[in-house]
Amino acid sequence: IASSSRDGLLANPQIQSFFQQQVDELTRWLPPHEKIRQFALIPREFTIDSGELAPTLKIKRHVVQEHYRDLIEEIYLRRAPQPQSA
C-alpha cells in the first residue's frame, strides 16, 4: 500500500481494517464488555521527549490524555459498533 505520508497511510481503509482484525483476534476471548470497540491510529510513537513516556518507558496517561484530548473526544462521540456474538 503506497502513501506519501504516515497520515495518509493510517487513513487508508485497508490499514484500518487490518488493525481492527488484529484487535478483534487478540481480544476474542474477552467478555463483550471488555472488548476494544473503538480506537485510533496516530502517526507517531510516544516518546520521552514529548513527555508521553517516563524514563522507565511507562506511559504517562495524563499527558497522553492532554495531547490527544480532541481525538479521544471524537472516539467517544462515534457510534460504537455492536459486539458480534461468536
C-alpha atoms as a PDB file:
ATOM      1  CA  ILE A   1       0.000   0.000   0.000  1.00  0.00           C
ATOM      2  CA  ALA A   2       1.598   3.217  -1.149  1.00  0.00           C
ATOM      3  CA  SER A   3       1.220   6.555   0.596  1.00  0.00           C
ATOM      4  CA  SER A   4       3.184   9.781   0.690  1.00  0.00           C
ATOM      5  CA  SER A   5       2.744  10.236   4.456  1.00  0.00           C
ATOM      6  CA  ARG A   6       2.043   8.351   7.656  1.00  0.00           C
ATOM      7  CA  ASP A   7      -1.234  10.255   8.000  1.00  0.00           C
ATOM      8  CA  GLY A   8      -2.302   9.073   4.556  1.00  0.00           C
ATOM      9  CA  LEU A   9      -1.285   5.518   5.300  1.00  0.00           C
ATOM     10  CA  LEU A  10      -3.150   5.437   8.613  1.00  0.00           C
ATOM     11  CA  ALA A  11      -6.281   6.873   6.971  1.00  0.00           C
ATOM     12  CA  ASN A  12      -6.306   4.055   4.407  1.00  0.00           C
ATOM     13  CA  PRO A  13      -9.331   1.774   4.984  1.00  0.00           C
ATOM     14  CA  GLN A  14      -7.213  -1.338   4.324  1.00  0.00           C
ATOM     15  CA  ILE A  15      -4.786  -0.370   7.094  1.00  0.00           C
ATOM     16  CA  GLN A  16      -7.618   0.427   9.491  1.00  0.00           C
ATOM     17  CA  SER A  17      -9.289  -2.885   8.660  1.00  0.00           C
ATOM     18  CA  PHE A  18      -6.031  -4.758   9.257  1.00  0.00           C
ATOM     19  CA  PHE A  19      -5.622  -3.246  12.719  1.00  0.00           C
ATOM     20  CA  GLN A  20      -9.300  -3.848  13.534  1.00  0.00           C
ATOM     21  CA  GLN A  21      -8.823  -7.520  12.633  1.00  0.00           C
ATOM     22  CA  GLN A  22      -5.740  -7.699  14.861  1.00  0.00           C
ATOM     23  CA  VAL A  23      -7.577  -6.123  17.795  1.00  0.00           C
ATOM     24  CA  ASP A  24     -10.560  -8.426  17.274  1.00  0.00           C
ATOM     25  CA  GLU A  25      -8.340 -11.506  17.130  1.00  0.00           C
ATOM     26  CA  LEU A  26      -6.322 -10.582  20.218  1.00  0.00           C
ATOM     27  CA  THR A  27      -9.426  -9.803  22.267  1.00  0.00           C
ATOM     28  CA  ARG A  28     -11.728 -12.568  21.038  1.00  0.00           C
ATOM     29  CA  TRP A  29     -11.555 -14.390  24.377  1.00  0.00           C
ATOM     30  CA  LEU A  30     -12.590 -11.325  26.399  1.00  0.00           C
ATOM     31  CA  PRO A  31     -16.177 -10.843  27.532  1.00  0.00           C
ATOM     32  CA  PRO A  32     -18.065  -8.290  25.381  1.00  0.00           C
ATOM     33  CA  HIS A  33     -17.921  -5.516  27.986  1.00  0.00           C
ATOM     34  CA  GLU A  34     -14.086  -5.662  27.995  1.00  0.00           C
ATOM     35  CA  LYS A  35     -13.509  -5.669  24.229  1.00  0.00           C
ATOM     36  CA  ILE A  36     -11.977  -2.715  22.428  1.00  0.00           C
ATOM     37  CA  ARG A  37     -14.707  -1.268  20.226  1.00  0.00           C
ATOM     38  CA  GLN A  38     -13.111   1.982  19.087  1.00  0.00           C
ATOM     39  CA  PHE A  39      -9.502   3.018  18.587  1.00  0.00           C
ATOM     40  CA  ALA A  40      -7.450   5.478  16.579  1.00  0.00           C
ATOM     41  CA  LEU A  41      -4.100   5.127  14.868  1.00  0.00           C
ATOM     42  CA  ILE A  42      -1.739   8.030  15.426  1.00  0.00           C
ATOM     43  CA  PRO A  43       1.141   8.950  13.095  1.00  0.00           C
ATOM     44  CA  ARG A  44       3.937   8.930  15.665  1.00  0.00           C
ATOM     45  CA  GLU A  45       5.226   6.946  18.600  1.00  0.00           C
ATOM     46  CA  PHE A  46       5.053   8.145  22.187  1.00  0.00           C
ATOM     47  CA  THR A  47       8.454   9.430  23.342  1.00  0.00           C
ATOM     48  CA  ILE A  48      10.211  10.603  26.471  1.00  0.00           C
ATOM     49  CA  ASP A  49      10.992  13.914  24.710  1.00  0.00           C
ATOM     50  CA  SER A  50       7.300  14.594  24.044  1.00  0.00           C
ATOM     51  CA  GLY A  51       6.541  13.828  27.699  1.00  0.00           C
ATOM     52  CA  GLU A  52       4.255  10.902  26.915  1.00  0.00           C
ATOM     53  CA  LEU A  53       6.703   8.339  28.298  1.00  0.00           C
ATOM     54  CA  ALA A  54       8.506   8.337  31.624  1.00  0.00           C
ATOM     55  CA  PRO A  55      12.237   7.473  31.655  1.00  0.00           C
ATOM     56  CA  THR A  56      11.143   3.946  32.651  1.00  0.00           C
ATOM     57  CA  LEU A  57       9.097   3.860  29.391  1.00  0.00           C
ATOM     58  CA  LYS A  58       5.784   3.789  31.233  1.00  0.00           C
ATOM     59  CA  ILE A  59       3.003   5.734  29.537  1.00  0.00           C
ATOM     60  CA  LYS A  60       2.084   8.992  31.257  1.00  0.00           C
ATOM     61  CA  ARG A  61      -1.664   8.716  30.776  1.00  0.00           C
ATOM     62  CA  HIS A  62      -2.439  12.272  31.871  1.00  0.00           C
ATOM     63  CA  VAL A  63      -0.026  13.658  29.256  1.00  0.00           C
ATOM     64  CA  VAL A  64      -1.440  11.402  26.524  1.00  0.00           C
ATOM     65  CA  GLN A  65      -4.965  12.469  27.503  1.00  0.00           C
ATOM     66  CA  GLU A  66      -3.936  16.118  27.246  1.00  0.00           C
ATOM     67  CA  HIS A  67      -2.119  15.724  23.906  1.00  0.00           C
ATOM     68  CA  TYR A  68      -4.939  13.718  22.328  1.00  0.00           C
ATOM     69  CA  ARG A  69      -7.961  15.259  24.064  1.00  0.00           C
ATOM     70  CA  ASP A  70      -9.755  16.121  20.800  1.00  0.00           C
ATOM     71  CA  LEU A  71      -9.126  12.687  19.290  1.00  0.00           C
ATOM     72  CA  ILE A  72     -10.321  10.934  22.448  1.00  0.00           C
ATOM     73  CA  GLU A  73     -13.497  13.028  22.473  1.00  0.00           C
ATOM     74  CA  GLU A  74     -14.064  12.205  18.790  1.00  0.00           C
ATOM     75  CA  ILE A  75     -13.739   8.490  19.522  1.00  0.00           C
ATOM     76  CA  TYR A  76     -16.336   8.694  22.289  1.00  0.00           C
ATOM     77  CA  LEU A  77     -18.721  10.622  20.024  1.00  0.00           C
ATOM     78  CA  ARG A  78     -18.619   7.968  17.304  1.00  0.00           C
ATOM     79  CA  ARG A  79     -21.316   5.362  17.348  1.00  0.00           C
ATOM     80  CA  ALA A  80     -19.614   2.261  18.692  1.00  0.00           C
ATOM     81  CA  PRO A  81     -20.132  -0.869  16.595  1.00  0.00           C
ATOM     82  CA  GLN A  82     -22.203  -3.514  18.320  1.00  0.00           C
ATOM     83  CA  PRO A  83     -20.247  -6.542  19.501  1.00  0.00           C
ATOM     84  CA  GLN A  84     -20.677  -9.601  17.328  1.00  0.00           C
ATOM     85  CA  SER A  85     -21.674 -12.808  19.009  1.00  0.00           C
ATOM     86  CA  ALA A  86     -19.250 -15.675  18.494  1.00  0.00           C
END
